[in-house]
């Protein structure tokens, strides 16, 4: 394996700064190309990050042909993910792309098939997995100290005034943000989605063109029920971006505010009208999967070098994406949706 892997970054909007900040600290990776439909945006990133030798263009294929990269980082908007990813895979590149994986479940399966044909890694940026707090919660639940998980709840309430494409986007909360929370739910619970019922609406006073609030009930594997309540137009008393979580187990419960607050109780004595409870610590331990965007990018690059499979590989992440499109289908139809009805997900 060469000393430095060559990378092209596609999509030079605001999110690309987070990626380039992480990449700039990686001595074994060289950015050889920047692509954006707005050439000025790409040239701005070239100057800001002193990537003076990087090729700048509006056409991905031309950049791939002249730079022969090992990796493509896809930081484009969701509607462009399929075209960018499939083009890069067909050129023999490994791909790490922004969430959500695709703008439709059909495009997601096309991307998975393209990765299989090319024998290349395609993974998705689910940066909230790379946080020692959520991984500590996962370990705590898996330890069985309060019994098996039965029910999982998350709340996400933030009044986000983005401006730009999100204000015009259909299903903006579910498609652009809830993918994070749904993927977190899969990580925390160790379960996969089976079915969903969702109610989506746009409250009075919303500054979005389309529905920006939703409530979902997911049936998960292992008999777990997961509920999601969220809004991107909720002014005041905001949750963290990582959501507020309540995990109910057979012998106790734990809450996590998405930041540094954990609180857990377990049954110390039962038999009365309510059980006697005792506080129990949730140990926050270091984890090799940490660092948010930077941690995931470094892990992905190491997987490219070693030939191992990243945690957020497309064949796994589509299960989180199916939660999004199942919720959207339920909201549109007013019916409970079995996720196997979305197509190839029946093979899970």
C-alpha atoms as a PDB file:
ATOM      1  CA  UNK A   1       0.000   0.000   0.000  1.00  0.00           C
ATOM      2  CA  UNK A   2       1.294   3.440  -0.943  1.00  0.00           C
ATOM      3  CA  UNK A   3       2.462   5.852   1.775  1.00  0.00           C
ATOM      4  CA  UNK A   4      -0.262   8.366   0.955  1.00  0.00           C
ATOM      5  CA  UNK A   5      -3.739   7.609  -0.299  1.00  0.00           C
ATOM      6  CA  UNK A   6      -5.117  10.061  -2.839  1.00  0.00           C
ATOM      7  CA  UNK A   7      -8.566  11.552  -2.258  1.00  0.00           C
ATOM      8  CA  UNK A   8     -11.047  13.702  -4.157  1.00  0.00           C
ATOM      9  CA  UNK A   9     -13.705  15.624  -2.229  1.00  0.00           C
ATOM     10  CA  UNK A  10     -16.997  16.313  -4.010  1.00  0.00           C
ATOM     11  CA  UNK A  11     -19.320  19.020  -2.720  1.00  0.00           C
ATOM     12  CA  UNK A  12     -17.658  22.103  -1.263  1.00  0.00           C
ATOM     13  CA  UNK A  13     -20.531  23.508   0.767  1.00  0.00           C
ATOM     14  CA  UNK A  14     -20.529  24.203   4.496  1.00  0.00           C
ATOM     15  CA  UNK A  15     -20.260  20.547   5.611  1.00  0.00           C
ATOM     16  CA  UNK A  16     -17.037  20.118   3.629  1.00  0.00           C
ATOM     17  CA  UNK A  17     -15.212  22.269   6.194  1.00  0.00           C
ATOM     18  CA  UNK A  18     -15.721  19.605   8.864  1.00  0.00           C
ATOM     19  CA  UNK A  19     -14.358  16.940   6.534  1.00  0.00           C
ATOM     20  CA  UNK A  20     -11.374  19.009   5.388  1.00  0.00           C
ATOM     21  CA  UNK A  21     -10.522  19.978   8.968  1.00  0.00           C
ATOM     22  CA  UNK A  22     -10.298  16.269   9.803  1.00  0.00           C
ATOM     23  CA  UNK A  23      -8.399  15.356   6.648  1.00  0.00           C
ATOM     24  CA  UNK A  24      -5.843  18.120   7.156  1.00  0.00           C
ATOM     25  CA  UNK A  25      -4.568  16.291  10.260  1.00  0.00           C
ATOM     26  CA  UNK A  26      -4.031  13.016   8.385  1.00  0.00           C
ATOM     27  CA  UNK A  27      -0.476  12.716   7.108  1.00  0.00           C
ATOM     28  CA  UNK A  28      -1.227   9.550   5.129  1.00  0.00           C
ATOM     29  CA  UNK A  29      -3.935  11.152   2.985  1.00  0.00           C
ATOM     30  CA  UNK A  30      -3.564  13.707   0.191  1.00  0.00           C
ATOM     31  CA  UNK A  31      -6.467  15.695  -1.291  1.00  0.00           C
ATOM     32  CA  UNK A  32      -5.767  15.764  -5.030  1.00  0.00           C
ATOM     33  CA  UNK A  33      -9.092  17.106  -6.271  1.00  0.00           C
ATOM     34  CA  UNK A  34     -12.034  19.325  -5.305  1.00  0.00           C
ATOM     35  CA  UNK A  35     -15.319  19.192  -7.216  1.00  0.00           C
ATOM     36  CA  UNK A  36     -18.426  21.363  -6.981  1.00  0.00           C
ATOM     37  CA  UNK A  37     -21.081  22.489  -9.442  1.00  0.00           C
ATOM     38  CA  UNK A  38     -20.118  25.979  -8.267  1.00  0.00           C
ATOM     39  CA  UNK A  39     -16.447  26.222  -9.203  1.00  0.00           C
ATOM     40  CA  UNK A  40     -15.965  29.275  -6.980  1.00  0.00           C
ATOM     41  CA  UNK A  41     -16.944  27.209  -3.920  1.00  0.00           C
ATOM     42  CA  UNK A  42     -14.309  24.613  -4.773  1.00  0.00           C
ATOM     43  CA  UNK A  43     -11.658  27.296  -5.335  1.00  0.00           C
ATOM     44  CA  UNK A  44     -12.526  28.870  -1.989  1.00  0.00           C
ATOM     45  CA  UNK A  45     -11.877  25.564  -0.235  1.00  0.00           C
ATOM     46  CA  UNK A  46      -8.647  25.156  -2.203  1.00  0.00           C
ATOM     47  CA  UNK A  47      -7.398  28.500  -0.901  1.00  0.00           C
ATOM     48  CA  UNK A  48      -8.709  28.095   2.667  1.00  0.00           C
ATOM     49  CA  UNK A  49      -6.958  24.741   3.126  1.00  0.00           C
ATOM     50  CA  UNK A  50      -3.831  25.525   1.049  1.00  0.00           C
ATOM     51  CA  UNK A  51      -4.605  22.706  -1.385  1.00  0.00           C
ATOM     52  CA  UNK A  52      -2.875  24.586  -4.167  1.00  0.00           C
ATOM     53  CA  UNK A  53      -1.858  21.445  -6.088  1.00  0.00           C
ATOM     54  CA  UNK A  54      -5.382  19.975  -6.019  1.00  0.00           C
ATOM     55  CA  UNK A  55      -7.315  19.878  -9.288  1.00  0.00           C
ATOM     56  CA  UNK A  56     -10.487  22.001  -9.199  1.00  0.00           C
ATOM     57  CA  UNK A  57     -13.394  21.328 -11.553  1.00  0.00           C
ATOM     58  CA  UNK A  58     -17.164  21.158 -11.814  1.00  0.00           C
ATOM     59  CA  UNK A  59     -17.077  17.690 -13.434  1.00  0.00           C
ATOM     60  CA  UNK A  60     -16.293  14.649 -11.264  1.00  0.00           C
ATOM     61  CA  UNK A  61     -15.463  12.349 -14.157  1.00  0.00           C
ATOM     62  CA  UNK A  62     -12.791  14.718 -15.482  1.00  0.00           C
ATOM     63  CA  UNK A  63     -11.194  14.984 -12.038  1.00  0.00           C
ATOM     64  CA  UNK A  64     -11.220  11.214 -11.561  1.00  0.00           C
ATOM     65  CA  UNK A  65      -9.594  10.711 -14.956  1.00  0.00           C
ATOM     66  CA  UNK A  66      -6.767  13.156 -14.306  1.00  0.00           C
ATOM     67  CA  UNK A  67      -6.070  12.487 -10.611  1.00  0.00           C
ATOM     68  CA  UNK A  68      -6.629   8.674 -10.294  1.00  0.00           C
ATOM     69  CA  UNK A  69      -7.650   8.838  -6.603  1.00  0.00           C
ATOM     70  CA  UNK A  70      -8.013   5.922  -4.202  1.00  0.00           C
ATOM     71  CA  UNK A  71     -10.896   7.504  -2.288  1.00  0.00           C
ATOM     72  CA  UNK A  72     -13.808   9.830  -3.009  1.00  0.00           C
ATOM     73  CA  UNK A  73     -15.433  11.776  -0.180  1.00  0.00           C
ATOM     74  CA  UNK A  74     -19.016  12.664  -1.109  1.00  0.00           C
ATOM     75  CA  UNK A  75     -20.193  15.834   0.661  1.00  0.00           C
ATOM     76  CA  UNK A  76     -22.942  16.669  -1.829  1.00  0.00           C
ATOM     77  CA  UNK A  77     -26.676  17.078  -1.166  1.00  0.00           C
ATOM     78  CA  UNK A  78     -28.760  13.861  -0.856  1.00  0.00           C
ATOM     79  CA  UNK A  79     -30.141  14.066  -4.402  1.00  0.00           C
ATOM     80  CA  UNK A  80     -26.604  13.841  -5.824  1.00  0.00           C
ATOM     81  CA  UNK A  81     -25.319  10.968  -3.676  1.00  0.00           C
ATOM     82  CA  UNK A  82     -26.256   8.117  -6.015  1.00  0.00           C
ATOM     83  CA  UNK A  83     -24.687   9.671  -9.119  1.00  0.00           C
ATOM     84  CA  UNK A  84     -21.494  10.713  -7.324  1.00  0.00           C
ATOM     85  CA  UNK A  85     -21.048   7.406  -5.507  1.00  0.00           C
ATOM     86  CA  UNK A  86     -21.746   5.157  -8.497  1.00  0.00           C
ATOM     87  CA  UNK A  87     -19.438   7.230 -10.724  1.00  0.00           C
ATOM     88  CA  UNK A  88     -16.633   6.993  -8.164  1.00  0.00           C
ATOM     89  CA  UNK A  89     -17.111   3.258  -7.577  1.00  0.00           C
ATOM     90  CA  UNK A  90     -17.106   2.541 -11.302  1.00  0.00           C
ATOM     91  CA  UNK A  91     -13.802   4.417 -11.471  1.00  0.00           C
ATOM     92  CA  UNK A  92     -12.357   1.995  -8.892  1.00  0.00           C
ATOM     93  CA  UNK A  93     -12.506   4.345  -5.901  1.00  0.00           C
ATOM     94  CA  UNK A  94     -13.586   3.589  -2.352  1.00  0.00           C
ATOM     95  CA  UNK A  95     -16.292   6.017  -1.193  1.00  0.00           C
ATOM     96  CA  UNK A  96     -17.227   7.593   2.126  1.00  0.00           C
ATOM     97  CA  UNK A  97     -20.356   9.706   1.751  1.00  0.00           C
ATOM     98  CA  UNK A  98     -22.447  12.083   3.786  1.00  0.00           C
ATOM     99  CA  UNK A  99     -25.740  10.943   5.250  1.00  0.00           C
ATOM    100  CA  UNK A 100     -28.380  10.100   4.261  1.00  0.00           C
ATOM    101  CA  UNK A 101     -27.077   7.339   2.053  1.00  0.00           C
ATOM    102  CA  UNK A 102     -29.483   8.188  -0.777  1.00  0.00           C
ATOM    103  CA  UNK A 103     -32.613  10.131  -1.639  1.00  0.00           C
ATOM    104  CA  UNK A 104     -34.581   6.908  -2.220  1.00  0.00           C
ATOM    105  CA  UNK A 105     -34.354   3.298  -1.155  1.00  0.00           C
ATOM    106  CA  UNK A 106     -34.097   2.299  -4.828  1.00  0.00           C
ATOM    107  CA  UNK A 107     -31.015   4.481  -5.317  1.00  0.00           C
ATOM    108  CA  UNK A 108     -29.498   3.053  -2.133  1.00  0.00           C
ATOM    109  CA  UNK A 109     -29.731  -0.482  -3.509  1.00  0.00           C
ATOM    110  CA  UNK A 110     -28.179   0.707  -6.803  1.00  0.00           C
ATOM    111  CA  UNK A 111     -25.248   2.104  -4.833  1.00  0.00           C
ATOM    112  CA  UNK A 112     -24.822  -1.121  -2.865  1.00  0.00           C
ATOM    113  CA  UNK A 113     -24.827  -3.123  -6.082  1.00  0.00           C
ATOM    114  CA  UNK A 114     -22.245  -0.757  -7.622  1.00  0.00           C
ATOM    115  CA  UNK A 115     -19.964  -1.262  -4.597  1.00  0.00           C
ATOM    116  CA  UNK A 116     -20.355  -5.041  -4.920  1.00  0.00           C
ATOM    117  CA  UNK A 117     -19.518  -5.000  -8.637  1.00  0.00           C
ATOM    118  CA  UNK A 118     -16.494  -2.760  -8.102  1.00  0.00           C
ATOM    119  CA  UNK A 119     -15.310  -4.720  -5.044  1.00  0.00           C
ATOM    120  CA  UNK A 120     -14.803  -1.423  -3.251  1.00  0.00           C
ATOM    121  CA  UNK A 121     -15.859  -0.105   0.159  1.00  0.00           C
ATOM    122  CA  UNK A 122     -18.783   2.282   0.296  1.00  0.00           C
ATOM    123  CA  UNK A 123     -19.604   3.605   3.773  1.00  0.00           C
ATOM    124  CA  UNK A 124     -21.739   6.412   5.184  1.00  0.00           C
ATOM    125  CA  UNK A 125     -20.874   9.246   7.567  1.00  0.00           C
ATOM    126  CA  UNK A 126     -22.759   8.410  10.772  1.00  0.00           C
ATOM    127  CA  UNK A 127     -20.511  10.511  12.998  1.00  0.00           C
ATOM    128  CA  UNK A 128     -22.690  10.220  16.114  1.00  0.00           C
ATOM    129  CA  UNK A 129     -21.550   6.608  16.487  1.00  0.00           C
ATOM    130  CA  UNK A 130     -18.027   7.912  17.073  1.00  0.00           C
ATOM    131  CA  UNK A 131     -18.697   9.337  20.534  1.00  0.00           C
ATOM    132  CA  UNK A 132     -17.485   7.567  23.703  1.00  0.00           C
ATOM    133  CA  UNK A 133     -20.694   8.541  25.526  1.00  0.00           C
ATOM    134  CA  UNK A 134     -23.072   6.715  23.202  1.00  0.00           C
ATOM    135  CA  UNK A 135     -20.750   3.739  23.066  1.00  0.00           C
ATOM    136  CA  UNK A 136     -20.574   3.709  26.880  1.00  0.00           C
ATOM    137  CA  UNK A 137     -24.382   3.651  26.980  1.00  0.00           C
ATOM    138  CA  UNK A 138     -24.396   0.759  24.548  1.00  0.00           C
ATOM    139  CA  UNK A 139     -21.904  -1.179  26.702  1.00  0.00           C
ATOM    140  CA  UNK A 140     -23.914  -0.461  29.849  1.00  0.00           C
ATOM    141  CA  UNK A 141     -27.120  -1.812  28.312  1.00  0.00           C
ATOM    142  CA  UNK A 142     -25.329  -4.847  26.891  1.00  0.00           C
ATOM    143  CA  UNK A 143     -23.863  -5.636  30.330  1.00  0.00           C
ATOM    144  CA  UNK A 144     -27.284  -6.760  31.577  1.00  0.00           C
ATOM    145  CA  UNK A 145     -26.944  -4.813  34.841  1.00  0.00           C
ATOM    146  CA  UNK A 146     -30.562  -3.678  34.544  1.00  0.00           C
ATOM    147  CA  UNK A 147     -31.824  -6.589  32.460  1.00  0.00           C
ATOM    148  CA  UNK A 148     -32.621  -6.709  28.764  1.00  0.00           C
ATOM    149  CA  UNK A 149     -33.742  -3.603  26.910  1.00  0.00           C
ATOM    150  CA  UNK A 150     -37.480  -3.607  26.200  1.00  0.00           C
ATOM    151  CA  UNK A 151     -38.300  -0.025  25.161  1.00  0.00           C
ATOM    152  CA  UNK A 152     -36.297   2.878  23.776  1.00  0.00           C
ATOM    153  CA  UNK A 153     -37.430   6.511  23.490  1.00  0.00           C
ATOM    154  CA  UNK A 154     -35.754   9.537  21.919  1.00  0.00           C
ATOM    155  CA  UNK A 155     -36.707  13.231  21.814  1.00  0.00           C
ATOM    156  CA  UNK A 156     -35.213  15.718  19.343  1.00  0.00           C
ATOM    157  CA  UNK A 157     -36.462  19.309  19.546  1.00  0.00           C
ATOM    158  CA  UNK A 158     -34.485  22.190  18.023  1.00  0.00           C
ATOM    159  CA  UNK A 159     -35.635  25.384  16.289  1.00  0.00           C
ATOM    160  CA  UNK A 160     -33.159  25.315  13.405  1.00  0.00           C
ATOM    161  CA  UNK A 161     -33.179  28.329  11.073  1.00  0.00           C
ATOM    162  CA  UNK A 162     -30.965  27.082   8.245  1.00  0.00           C
ATOM    163  CA  UNK A 163     -32.161  29.020   5.264  1.00  0.00           C
ATOM    164  CA  UNK A 164     -31.243  27.498   1.915  1.00  0.00           C
ATOM    165  CA  UNK A 165     -32.325  24.145   0.523  1.00  0.00           C
ATOM    166  CA  UNK A 166     -33.523  22.663   3.820  1.00  0.00           C
ATOM    167  CA  UNK A 167     -36.281  25.264   4.129  1.00  0.00           C
ATOM    168  CA  UNK A 168     -37.716  24.033   0.805  1.00  0.00           C
ATOM    169  CA  UNK A 169     -37.062  20.305   1.303  1.00  0.00           C
ATOM    170  CA  UNK A 170     -39.866  17.737   1.618  1.00  0.00           C
ATOM    171  CA  UNK A 171     -39.698  15.510   4.721  1.00  0.00           C
ATOM    172  CA  UNK A 172     -36.794  17.669   5.909  1.00  0.00           C
ATOM    173  CA  UNK A 173     -36.676  16.354   9.481  1.00  0.00           C
ATOM    174  CA  UNK A 174     -37.034  12.687   8.606  1.00  0.00           C
ATOM    175  CA  UNK A 175     -34.747  12.669   5.579  1.00  0.00           C
ATOM    176  CA  UNK A 176     -32.022  15.100   6.591  1.00  0.00           C
ATOM    177  CA  UNK A 177     -31.833  14.731  10.383  1.00  0.00           C
ATOM    178  CA  UNK A 178     -33.729  11.732  11.748  1.00  0.00           C
ATOM    179  CA  UNK A 179     -31.315   9.394   9.942  1.00  0.00           C
ATOM    180  CA  UNK A 180     -28.811  10.293  12.697  1.00  0.00           C
ATOM    181  CA  UNK A 181     -31.241   9.498  15.509  1.00  0.00           C
ATOM    182  CA  UNK A 182     -32.542   6.323  13.870  1.00  0.00           C
ATOM    183  CA  UNK A 183     -28.978   5.095  13.379  1.00  0.00           C
ATOM    184  CA  UNK A 184     -28.223   5.935  17.018  1.00  0.00           C
ATOM    185  CA  UNK A 185     -31.256   3.871  18.042  1.00  0.00           C
ATOM    186  CA  UNK A 186     -29.903   0.874  16.152  1.00  0.00           C
ATOM    187  CA  UNK A 187     -26.505   1.276  17.823  1.00  0.00           C
ATOM    188  CA  UNK A 188     -27.935   1.734  21.338  1.00  0.00           C
ATOM    189  CA  UNK A 189     -30.430  -1.113  21.091  1.00  0.00           C
ATOM    190  CA  UNK A 190     -28.429  -3.576  19.026  1.00  0.00           C
ATOM    191  CA  UNK A 191     -31.700  -4.190  17.153  1.00  0.00           C
ATOM    192  CA  UNK A 192     -32.911  -3.685  13.600  1.00  0.00           C
ATOM    193  CA  UNK A 193     -36.200  -2.200  12.365  1.00  0.00           C
ATOM    194  CA  UNK A 194     -39.183  -4.382  11.485  1.00  0.00           C
ATOM    195  CA  UNK A 195     -42.125  -1.980  11.057  1.00  0.00           C
ATOM    196  CA  UNK A 196     -43.093   1.655  11.641  1.00  0.00           C
ATOM    197  CA  UNK A 197     -46.071   3.948  12.070  1.00  0.00           C
ATOM    198  CA  UNK A 198     -45.366   7.675  11.602  1.00  0.00           C
ATOM    199  CA  UNK A 199     -47.324  10.924  11.852  1.00  0.00           C
ATOM    200  CA  UNK A 200     -45.648  13.895  10.152  1.00  0.00           C
ATOM    201  CA  UNK A 201     -46.884  17.521  10.142  1.00  0.00           C
ATOM    202  CA  UNK A 202     -45.856  21.156   9.813  1.00  0.00           C
ATOM    203  CA  UNK A 203     -46.915  23.157  12.911  1.00  0.00           C
ATOM    204  CA  UNK A 204     -48.376  26.620  12.792  1.00  0.00           C
ATOM    205  CA  UNK A 205     -45.541  29.152  12.780  1.00  0.00           C
ATOM    206  CA  UNK A 206     -43.101  26.826  11.008  1.00  0.00           C
ATOM    207  CA  UNK A 207     -40.654  28.503   8.625  1.00  0.00           C
ATOM    208  CA  UNK A 208     -40.310  25.327   6.541  1.00  0.00           C
ATOM    209  CA  UNK A 209     -42.324  24.759   3.357  1.00  0.00           C
ATOM    210  CA  UNK A 210     -43.102  21.156   4.257  1.00  0.00           C
ATOM    211  CA  UNK A 211     -43.527  18.919   7.317  1.00  0.00           C
ATOM    212  CA  UNK A 212     -40.797  19.559   9.899  1.00  0.00           C
ATOM    213  CA  UNK A 213     -42.203  17.608  12.879  1.00  0.00           C
ATOM    214  CA  UNK A 214     -42.811  13.884  13.313  1.00  0.00           C
ATOM    215  CA  UNK A 215     -43.673  11.134  15.766  1.00  0.00           C
ATOM    216  CA  UNK A 216     -42.705   7.530  14.947  1.00  0.00           C
ATOM    217  CA  UNK A 217     -43.292   4.156  16.589  1.00  0.00           C
ATOM    218  CA  UNK A 218     -40.851   1.484  15.418  1.00  0.00           C
ATOM    219  CA  UNK A 219     -41.186  -2.217  16.045  1.00  0.00           C
ATOM    220  CA  UNK A 220     -37.636  -3.547  16.317  1.00  0.00           C
ATOM    221  CA  UNK A 221     -36.126  -7.001  16.379  1.00  0.00           C
ATOM    222  CA  UNK A 222     -35.967  -8.796  19.750  1.00  0.00           C
ATOM    223  CA  UNK A 223     -39.422  -7.396  20.575  1.00  0.00           C
ATOM    224  CA  UNK A 224     -38.064  -3.905  21.338  1.00  0.00           C
ATOM    225  CA  UNK A 225     -40.296  -0.891  20.715  1.00  0.00           C
ATOM    226  CA  UNK A 226     -38.563   2.395  19.801  1.00  0.00           C
ATOM    227  CA  UNK A 227     -40.341   5.752  19.698  1.00  0.00           C
ATOM    228  CA  UNK A 228     -39.102   8.968  18.111  1.00  0.00           C
ATOM    229  CA  UNK A 229     -40.488  12.453  18.739  1.00  0.00           C
ATOM    230  CA  UNK A 230     -38.880  15.285  16.836  1.00  0.00           C
ATOM    231  CA  UNK A 231     -39.175  18.783  15.425  1.00  0.00           C
ATOM    232  CA  UNK A 232     -36.906  21.227  13.638  1.00  0.00           C
ATOM    233  CA  UNK A 233     -39.260  24.129  14.347  1.00  0.00           C
ATOM    234  CA  UNK A 234     -39.560  23.842  18.141  1.00  0.00           C
ATOM    235  CA  UNK A 235     -38.538  27.147  19.727  1.00  0.00           C
ATOM    236  CA  UNK A 236     -37.252  26.940  23.282  1.00  0.00           C
ATOM    237  CA  UNK A 237     -36.101  24.186  25.676  1.00  0.00           C
ATOM    238  CA  UNK A 238     -33.961  22.568  23.013  1.00  0.00           C
ATOM    239  CA  UNK A 239     -32.581  19.065  23.333  1.00  0.00           C
ATOM    240  CA  UNK A 240     -29.019  18.362  22.289  1.00  0.00           C
ATOM    241  CA  UNK A 241     -28.368  17.507  18.640  1.00  0.00           C
ATOM    242  CA  UNK A 242     -27.721  13.947  19.840  1.00  0.00           C
ATOM    243  CA  UNK A 243     -31.304  13.743  21.247  1.00  0.00           C
ATOM    244  CA  UNK A 244     -32.572  12.928  24.740  1.00  0.00           C
ATOM    245  CA  UNK A 245     -32.831   9.178  25.409  1.00  0.00           C
ATOM    246  CA  UNK A 246     -34.731   6.960  27.845  1.00  0.00           C
ATOM    247  CA  UNK A 247     -33.880   3.250  27.874  1.00  0.00           C
ATOM    248  CA  UNK A 248     -36.296   0.986  29.761  1.00  0.00           C
ATOM    249  CA  UNK A 249     -35.022  -2.453  30.712  1.00  0.00           C
ATOM    250  CA  UNK A 250     -36.468  -5.383  32.666  1.00  0.00           C
ATOM    251  CA  UNK A 251     -34.909  -4.323  35.966  1.00  0.00           C
ATOM    252  CA  UNK A 252     -34.337  -0.600  35.619  1.00  0.00           C
ATOM    253  CA  UNK A 253     -33.979   2.428  33.382  1.00  0.00           C
ATOM    254  CA  UNK A 254     -31.303   4.824  32.165  1.00  0.00           C
ATOM    255  CA  UNK A 255     -31.578   8.299  30.671  1.00  0.00           C
ATOM    256  CA  UNK A 256     -28.985  10.170  28.613  1.00  0.00           C
ATOM    257  CA  UNK A 257     -29.338  13.792  27.577  1.00  0.00           C
ATOM    258  CA  UNK A 258     -27.108  13.365  24.528  1.00  0.00           C
ATOM    259  CA  UNK A 259     -24.315  15.254  26.296  1.00  0.00           C
ATOM    260  CA  UNK A 260     -22.676  14.401  29.627  1.00  0.00           C
ATOM    261  CA  UNK A 261     -25.664  13.633  31.848  1.00  0.00           C
ATOM    262  CA  UNK A 262     -26.454   9.991  32.570  1.00  0.00           C
ATOM    263  CA  UNK A 263     -28.825   8.768  35.237  1.00  0.00           C
ATOM    264  CA  UNK A 264     -29.656   5.117  35.910  1.00  0.00           C
ATOM    265  CA  UNK A 265     -31.693   3.220  38.471  1.00  0.00           C
ATOM    266  CA  UNK A 266     -32.222  -0.486  38.991  1.00  0.00           C
ATOM    267  CA  UNK A 267     -34.582  -2.523  41.141  1.00  0.00           C
ATOM    268  CA  UNK A 268     -33.082  -3.341  44.530  1.00  0.00           C
ATOM    269  CA  UNK A 269     -36.232  -4.850  46.051  1.00  0.00           C
ATOM    270  CA  UNK A 270     -39.548  -5.775  44.448  1.00  0.00           C
ATOM    271  CA  UNK A 271     -42.890  -6.965  45.764  1.00  0.00           C
ATOM    272  CA  UNK A 272     -44.572  -3.710  46.755  1.00  0.00           C
ATOM    273  CA  UNK A 273     -46.837  -1.452  44.724  1.00  0.00           C
ATOM    274  CA  UNK A 274     -43.673   0.089  43.298  1.00  0.00           C
ATOM    275  CA  UNK A 275     -40.226  -1.447  43.520  1.00  0.00           C
ATOM    276  CA  UNK A 276     -37.393  -0.106  45.652  1.00  0.00           C
ATOM    277  CA  UNK A 277     -34.737   1.428  43.427  1.00  0.00           C
ATOM    278  CA  UNK A 278     -31.053   2.213  43.715  1.00  0.00           C
ATOM    279  CA  UNK A 279     -28.892   4.516  41.655  1.00  0.00           C
ATOM    280  CA  UNK A 280     -26.269   2.853  39.486  1.00  0.00           C
ATOM    281  CA  UNK A 281     -23.367   4.435  37.643  1.00  0.00           C
ATOM    282  CA  UNK A 282     -23.029   4.425  33.877  1.00  0.00           C
ATOM    283  CA  UNK A 283     -19.234   4.309  33.389  1.00  0.00           C
ATOM    284  CA  UNK A 284     -18.011   6.593  30.602  1.00  0.00           C
ATOM    285  CA  UNK A 285     -15.017   4.821  29.148  1.00  0.00           C
ATOM    286  CA  UNK A 286     -12.647   5.665  26.298  1.00  0.00           C
ATOM    287  CA  UNK A 287     -13.436   3.949  23.026  1.00  0.00           C
ATOM    288  CA  UNK A 288     -11.360   3.383  19.924  1.00  0.00           C
ATOM    289  CA  UNK A 289     -14.316   4.602  17.876  1.00  0.00           C
ATOM    290  CA  UNK A 290     -14.391   8.257  18.880  1.00  0.00           C
ATOM    291  CA  UNK A 291     -13.752  11.676  17.420  1.00  0.00           C
ATOM    292  CA  UNK A 292     -16.940  12.266  15.405  1.00  0.00           C
ATOM    293  CA  UNK A 293     -16.265  13.028  11.750  1.00  0.00           C
ATOM    294  CA  UNK A 294     -12.498  12.820  12.198  1.00  0.00           C
ATOM    295  CA  UNK A 295     -12.673   9.469  13.960  1.00  0.00           C
ATOM    296  CA  UNK A 296     -14.913   7.932  11.329  1.00  0.00           C
ATOM    297  CA  UNK A 297     -12.817   9.242   8.437  1.00  0.00           C
ATOM    298  CA  UNK A 298      -9.637   7.872  10.014  1.00  0.00           C
ATOM    299  CA  UNK A 299     -11.326   4.521  10.625  1.00  0.00           C
ATOM    300  CA  UNK A 300     -12.535   4.423   7.014  1.00  0.00           C
ATOM    301  CA  UNK A 301      -9.044   5.158   5.667  1.00  0.00           C
ATOM    302  CA  UNK A 302      -7.602   2.402   7.865  1.00  0.00           C
ATOM    303  CA  UNK A 303     -10.229  -0.014   6.505  1.00  0.00           C
ATOM    304  CA  UNK A 304      -9.221   0.911   2.952  1.00  0.00           C
ATOM    305  CA  UNK A 305      -5.601   0.182   3.851  1.00  0.00           C
ATOM    306  CA  UNK A 306      -6.288  -3.080   5.679  1.00  0.00           C
ATOM    307  CA  UNK A 307      -9.185  -4.421   3.630  1.00  0.00           C
ATOM    308  CA  UNK A 308     -11.453  -4.609   6.692  1.00  0.00           C
ATOM    309  CA  UNK A 309     -15.103  -3.536   6.790  1.00  0.00           C
ATOM    310  CA  UNK A 310     -16.120  -0.233   8.440  1.00  0.00           C
ATOM    311  CA  UNK A 311     -18.974  -0.153  10.932  1.00  0.00           C
ATOM    312  CA  UNK A 312     -21.032   2.161   8.726  1.00  0.00           C
ATOM    313  CA  UNK A 313     -20.632   0.137   5.519  1.00  0.00           C
ATOM    314  CA  UNK A 314     -23.512   0.608   3.083  1.00  0.00           C
ATOM    315  CA  UNK A 315     -24.881  -2.922   3.504  1.00  0.00           C
ATOM    316  CA  UNK A 316     -25.490  -2.173   7.184  1.00  0.00           C
ATOM    317  CA  UNK A 317     -26.404   1.500   6.951  1.00  0.00           C
ATOM    318  CA  UNK A 318     -29.277   0.816   4.580  1.00  0.00           C
ATOM    319  CA  UNK A 319     -31.132  -0.557   7.608  1.00  0.00           C
ATOM    320  CA  UNK A 320     -31.028   2.916   9.159  1.00  0.00           C
ATOM    321  CA  UNK A 321     -32.057   4.462   5.838  1.00  0.00           C
ATOM    322  CA  UNK A 322     -34.987   2.040   5.623  1.00  0.00           C
ATOM    323  CA  UNK A 323     -36.259   3.512   8.905  1.00  0.00           C
ATOM    324  CA  UNK A 324     -36.352   6.925   7.207  1.00  0.00           C
ATOM    325  CA  UNK A 325     -38.190   5.830   4.080  1.00  0.00           C
ATOM    326  CA  UNK A 326     -40.480   3.516   6.017  1.00  0.00           C
ATOM    327  CA  UNK A 327     -41.442   6.476   8.221  1.00  0.00           C
ATOM    328  CA  UNK A 328     -42.012   8.695   5.172  1.00  0.00           C
ATOM    329  CA  UNK A 329     -44.161   6.030   3.485  1.00  0.00           C
ATOM    330  CA  UNK A 330     -46.184   5.603   6.682  1.00  0.00           C
ATOM    331  CA  UNK A 331     -46.675   9.363   7.052  1.00  0.00           C
ATOM    332  CA  UNK A 332     -47.845   9.657   3.448  1.00  0.00           C
ATOM    333  CA  UNK A 333     -50.192   6.670   3.641  1.00  0.00           C
ATOM    334  CA  UNK A 334     -51.354   6.922   7.257  1.00  0.00           C
ATOM    335  CA  UNK A 335     -50.614   3.211   7.628  1.00  0.00           C
ATOM    336  CA  UNK A 336     -48.218   0.954   9.521  1.00  0.00           C
ATOM    337  CA  UNK A 337     -45.408  -0.038   7.157  1.00  0.00           C
ATOM    338  CA  UNK A 338     -43.455  -3.282   7.315  1.00  0.00           C
ATOM    339  CA  UNK A 339     -39.933  -2.427   6.224  1.00  0.00           C
ATOM    340  CA  UNK A 340     -39.609  -5.655   4.269  1.00  0.00           C
ATOM    341  CA  UNK A 341     -42.115  -4.078   1.859  1.00  0.00           C
ATOM    342  CA  UNK A 342     -39.418  -1.601   0.785  1.00  0.00           C
ATOM    343  CA  UNK A 343     -37.826  -4.246  -1.418  1.00  0.00           C
ATOM    344  CA  UNK A 344     -34.552  -6.039  -0.876  1.00  0.00           C
ATOM    345  CA  UNK A 345     -34.772  -5.290   2.843  1.00  0.00           C
ATOM    346  CA  UNK A 346     -36.824  -8.496   2.944  1.00  0.00           C
ATOM    347  CA  UNK A 347     -33.494 -10.325   2.802  1.00  0.00           C
ATOM    348  CA  UNK A 348     -32.368  -8.932   6.178  1.00  0.00           C
END
